[in-house]
Amino acid sequence: MVLDHSATLQGAIVSSKAEEMVWRLRRKYREIPFERFEKIVFVIGKEAIFGGGSDEDIAVLEMLLEEEAKKARDQKEAERGEMEQQIERITASMLHRTLLLSLPGGIDHEHARAILVYGFLAPSSSRRFIGGKFLPPEHVLEDVANKLGVLFNPVEYRKALNFLIHQGVVVERPKRGTVYSLNLYPSASSVTQWGKEIICACKRFLHAHHPSK
C-alpha cells in the first residue's frame, strides 16, 4: 500500500495526518489480514480518520481493530495447534519405519513392521503386549489399519502376520478365542533364523524408544 499526499484510496483523499494515523494503526494491528484492515479503516472508520472524527470516534475504531486483531491471533493459534497435531499424527504413523528388518521376498515390509510396532511394541494404548501379555487379533488389526491408513492392505497384512507367527515371533494362545503376544526370546525352540533376526531388531527398537524396558 502506497500512501502519499495525492493518493486516493476507497474514495478518500489521504491527508498527511490521516496517513500517519493509518500507518500507526497498521503497525499496531498488523495481525489483521490487510483486506480486512483496509475495509475497517477506509469504510467503517472513514469518518473517524478522514472526516475529522472525535477522540471518541477514534477510540471506537481502535476497539473494533483490537477485536479483529484478537480474532486473527486466535485463528492463527488454532491453525498452529491443528498443524502440530497433524505433525504428531504423521510422526506417529511413521514410527514403524524406524524398525529395521530383513525379510524374505513376498512379505511386505510396511505391514510386517506395522504389526510389530503398532500391534505389540508401541500400540495405541500405554501397554505393550510382550511375553505373557496377550491381546485379541482384532486389536492388532485395528491399530495397524488405523496407522497405515490408505496404505493398509488386508491381504498383505494377513501374509505378514502369518509369516511372523510361523517364525515364532508372534505367539498364538487359544484362550476364549485366539490371542496374540510378541515373543522376545530368540532362543525359544519355535523361533526360526528369520525369527531370531526379527526379535533382535525388535529389541533394538524397544531399547531406542523405551530405554528402561
Protein backbone atom coordinates (compact mmCIF):
# COMPACT_ATOMS: atom_id res chain seq x y z
CA MET A 1 0.00 0.00 0.00
CA VAL A 2 1.47 3.37 -1.03
CA LEU A 3 0.18 6.41 0.76
CA ASP A 4 1.17 9.91 -0.29
CA HIS A 5 -0.43 13.36 -0.29
CA SER A 6 -2.08 12.78 -3.66
CA ALA A 7 -3.23 9.22 -3.10
CA THR A 8 -6.88 8.36 -3.26
CA LEU A 9 -7.95 5.11 -1.60
CA GLN A 10 -11.54 3.96 -1.20
CA GLY A 11 -12.60 7.37 -2.46
CA ALA A 12 -10.91 9.27 0.39
CA ILE A 13 -8.18 11.88 -0.02
CA VAL A 14 -5.48 10.89 2.41
CA SER A 15 -4.06 13.85 4.26
CA SER A 16 -0.67 13.76 5.93
CA LYS A 17 -2.30 13.48 9.36
CA ALA A 18 -4.65 10.70 8.21
CA GLU A 19 -1.77 8.90 6.54
CA GLU A 20 0.20 8.96 9.77
CA MET A 21 -2.78 7.58 11.69
CA VAL A 22 -3.35 4.80 9.16
CA TRP A 23 0.27 3.69 9.38
CA ARG A 24 0.17 3.83 13.17
CA LEU A 25 -2.92 1.65 13.24
CA ARG A 26 -1.43 -0.77 10.72
CA ARG A 27 1.73 -1.19 12.78
CA LYS A 28 -0.31 -1.72 15.93
CA TYR A 29 -2.75 -4.20 14.40
CA ARG A 30 -0.53 -5.98 11.90
CA GLU A 31 -2.12 -9.35 12.80
CA ILE A 32 -5.29 -8.35 10.94
CA PRO A 33 -5.28 -9.50 7.28
CA PHE A 34 -4.72 -6.49 5.04
CA GLU A 35 -8.04 -6.77 3.19
CA ARG A 36 -9.95 -6.79 6.46
CA PHE A 37 -7.86 -3.95 7.90
CA GLU A 38 -8.45 -1.86 4.77
CA LYS A 39 -12.21 -2.38 4.97
CA ILE A 40 -12.37 -1.40 8.64
CA VAL A 41 -10.19 1.69 8.27
CA PHE A 42 -11.37 3.05 4.92
CA VAL A 43 -15.03 2.06 5.09
CA ILE A 44 -16.15 1.66 8.68
CA GLY A 45 -13.62 4.14 10.06
CA LYS A 46 -13.73 6.58 7.17
CA GLU A 47 -15.36 9.40 9.13
CA ALA A 48 -13.18 8.85 12.18
CA ILE A 49 -9.94 9.15 10.19
CA PHE A 50 -10.74 11.29 7.17
CA GLY A 51 -13.70 13.27 8.44
CA GLY A 52 -12.04 14.83 11.44
CA GLY A 53 -13.67 12.44 13.87
CA SER A 54 -13.55 12.98 17.62
CA ASP A 55 -11.33 11.14 20.05
CA GLU A 56 -14.32 9.00 20.91
CA ASP A 57 -14.72 8.00 17.24
CA ILE A 58 -11.06 7.02 17.10
CA ALA A 59 -11.40 5.05 20.33
CA VAL A 60 -14.37 3.12 18.91
CA LEU A 61 -12.39 2.37 15.74
CA GLU A 62 -9.46 1.07 17.77
CA MET A 63 -11.80 -1.11 19.84
CA LEU A 64 -13.05 -2.66 16.61
CA LEU A 65 -9.50 -3.17 15.36
CA GLU A 66 -8.46 -4.72 18.66
CA GLU A 67 -11.35 -7.17 18.43
CA GLU A 68 -10.35 -8.11 14.88
CA ALA A 69 -6.72 -8.49 15.93
CA LYS A 70 -7.76 -10.86 18.73
CA LYS A 71 -9.79 -12.93 16.27
CA ALA A 72 -6.79 -13.11 13.95
CA ARG A 73 -4.49 -14.18 16.79
CA ASP A 74 -6.96 -16.83 17.97
CA GLN A 75 -7.32 -18.18 14.45
CA LYS A 76 -3.56 -18.30 13.98
CA GLU A 77 -3.16 -20.13 17.28
CA ALA A 78 -5.87 -22.62 16.33
CA GLU A 79 -4.20 -23.24 12.96
CA ARG A 80 -0.86 -23.73 14.70
CA GLY A 81 -2.46 -26.25 17.07
CA GLU A 82 -4.02 -28.15 14.17
CA MET A 83 -0.68 -28.21 12.35
CA GLU A 84 1.12 -29.51 15.43
CA GLN A 85 -1.49 -32.24 15.83
CA GLN A 86 -1.14 -33.18 12.18
CA ILE A 87 2.64 -33.37 12.54
CA GLU A 88 2.20 -35.59 15.61
CA ARG A 89 -0.16 -37.87 13.70
CA ILE A 90 2.22 -38.11 10.75
CA THR A 91 5.18 -38.74 13.05
CA ALA A 92 3.26 -41.43 14.93
CA SER A 93 2.20 -43.12 11.70
CA MET A 94 5.84 -43.23 10.53
CA LEU A 95 7.23 -44.76 13.72
CA HIS A 96 7.21 -48.30 12.34
CA ARG A 97 9.70 -47.32 9.63
CA THR A 98 12.39 -46.89 12.27
CA LEU A 99 12.20 -50.66 12.87
CA LEU A 100 14.86 -52.04 10.53
CA LEU A 101 14.01 -55.54 9.35
CA SER A 102 15.42 -58.02 6.89
CA LEU A 103 12.56 -60.02 5.39
CA PRO A 104 12.25 -62.59 2.60
CA GLY A 105 10.66 -61.72 -0.70
CA GLY A 106 6.89 -61.78 -0.77
CA ILE A 107 6.49 -60.34 2.73
CA ASP A 108 5.54 -56.66 2.75
CA HIS A 109 7.92 -54.67 4.97
CA GLU A 110 5.33 -51.94 5.62
CA HIS A 111 2.79 -54.34 7.10
CA ALA A 112 5.27 -56.55 8.96
CA ARG A 113 6.84 -53.55 10.70
CA ALA A 114 3.46 -52.02 11.43
CA ILE A 115 2.22 -55.25 13.04
CA LEU A 116 5.26 -55.45 15.31
CA VAL A 117 5.28 -51.77 16.27
CA TYR A 118 1.60 -50.82 16.47
CA GLY A 119 0.33 -54.22 17.48
CA PHE A 120 2.84 -55.02 20.20
CA LEU A 121 5.82 -52.70 20.77
CA ALA A 122 4.05 -49.34 20.72
CA PRO A 123 0.28 -49.83 20.38
CA SER A 124 -2.30 -47.06 20.81
CA SER A 125 -2.66 -47.96 24.49
CA SER A 126 0.12 -47.44 27.02
CA ARG A 127 0.57 -51.21 27.46
CA ARG A 128 2.94 -53.32 25.39
CA PHE A 129 1.91 -56.87 24.55
CA ILE A 130 5.10 -58.81 25.08
CA GLY A 131 5.74 -62.14 26.77
CA GLY A 132 2.75 -63.02 28.93
CA LYS A 133 0.61 -60.07 27.84
CA PHE A 134 -1.83 -61.09 25.13
CA LEU A 135 -4.41 -59.24 23.07
CA PRO A 136 -7.14 -60.25 20.59
CA PRO A 137 -6.35 -60.31 16.85
CA GLU A 138 -8.91 -57.60 16.11
CA HIS A 139 -7.00 -55.14 18.30
CA VAL A 140 -3.83 -55.70 16.31
CA LEU A 141 -5.74 -55.36 13.05
CA GLU A 142 -7.45 -52.15 14.17
CA ASP A 143 -4.25 -50.47 15.35
CA VAL A 144 -2.32 -51.38 12.20
CA ALA A 145 -5.16 -50.33 9.87
CA ASN A 146 -5.57 -47.01 11.66
CA LYS A 147 -1.87 -46.20 11.49
CA LEU A 148 -1.30 -47.24 7.89
CA GLY A 149 -4.48 -45.59 6.64
CA VAL A 150 -4.72 -45.75 2.85
CA LEU A 151 -1.58 -47.90 2.74
CA PHE A 152 -3.32 -50.73 4.58
CA ASN A 153 -3.92 -53.87 2.54
CA PRO A 154 -5.74 -56.75 4.28
CA VAL A 155 -4.09 -59.39 2.07
CA GLU A 156 -0.56 -58.13 2.79
CA TYR A 157 -1.47 -57.77 6.45
CA ARG A 158 -2.55 -61.40 6.73
CA LYS A 159 0.54 -62.65 4.86
CA ALA A 160 2.86 -60.66 7.11
CA LEU A 161 1.08 -61.76 10.29
CA ASN A 162 1.16 -65.43 9.29
CA PHE A 163 4.85 -65.11 8.49
CA LEU A 164 5.59 -63.63 11.92
CA ILE A 165 3.60 -66.41 13.60
CA HIS A 166 5.41 -69.15 11.66
CA GLN A 167 8.80 -67.66 12.56
CA GLY A 168 7.97 -67.80 16.28
CA VAL A 169 7.92 -64.01 16.63
CA VAL A 170 4.19 -63.64 17.25
CA VAL A 171 2.83 -66.25 19.65
CA GLU A 172 -0.73 -67.55 19.50
CA ARG A 173 -2.60 -68.85 22.50
CA PRO A 174 -6.16 -70.15 22.43
CA LYS A 175 -7.96 -68.57 25.36
CA ARG A 176 -11.62 -68.00 24.77
CA GLY A 177 -10.56 -67.47 21.18
CA THR A 178 -7.10 -66.86 19.76
CA VAL A 179 -4.96 -64.13 21.35
CA TYR A 180 -1.52 -62.85 20.35
CA SER A 181 1.65 -61.78 22.09
CA LEU A 182 5.14 -60.80 20.92
CA ASN A 183 7.96 -63.20 21.73
CA LEU A 184 11.28 -61.52 22.59
CA TYR A 185 13.17 -64.74 23.39
CA PRO A 186 15.22 -65.69 20.31
CA SER A 187 16.41 -68.90 21.98
CA ALA A 188 12.86 -70.33 22.16
CA SER A 189 12.55 -73.62 20.30
CA SER A 190 9.82 -72.30 18.00
CA VAL A 191 11.94 -69.43 16.69
CA THR A 192 13.49 -69.76 13.23
CA GLN A 193 16.59 -67.98 11.95
CA TRP A 194 14.38 -65.30 10.42
CA GLY A 195 12.59 -65.04 13.74
CA LYS A 196 15.83 -64.56 15.67
CA GLU A 197 16.85 -61.66 13.42
CA ILE A 198 13.42 -60.05 13.74
CA ILE A 199 13.39 -60.43 17.53
CA CYS A 200 16.83 -58.80 17.76
CA ALA A 201 15.56 -55.90 15.63
CA CYS A 202 12.53 -55.56 17.92
CA LYS A 203 14.80 -55.44 20.97
CA ARG A 204 16.88 -52.69 19.39
CA PHE A 205 13.71 -50.76 18.61
CA LEU A 206 12.43 -51.20 22.15
CA HIS A 207 15.73 -50.04 23.63
CA ALA A 208 15.80 -46.98 21.35
CA HIS A 209 12.24 -45.88 22.11
CA HIS A 210 11.84 -47.25 25.64
CA PRO A 211 15.36 -47.39 27.15
CA SER A 212 14.10 -48.55 30.53
CA LYS A 213 12.47 -51.62 29.04
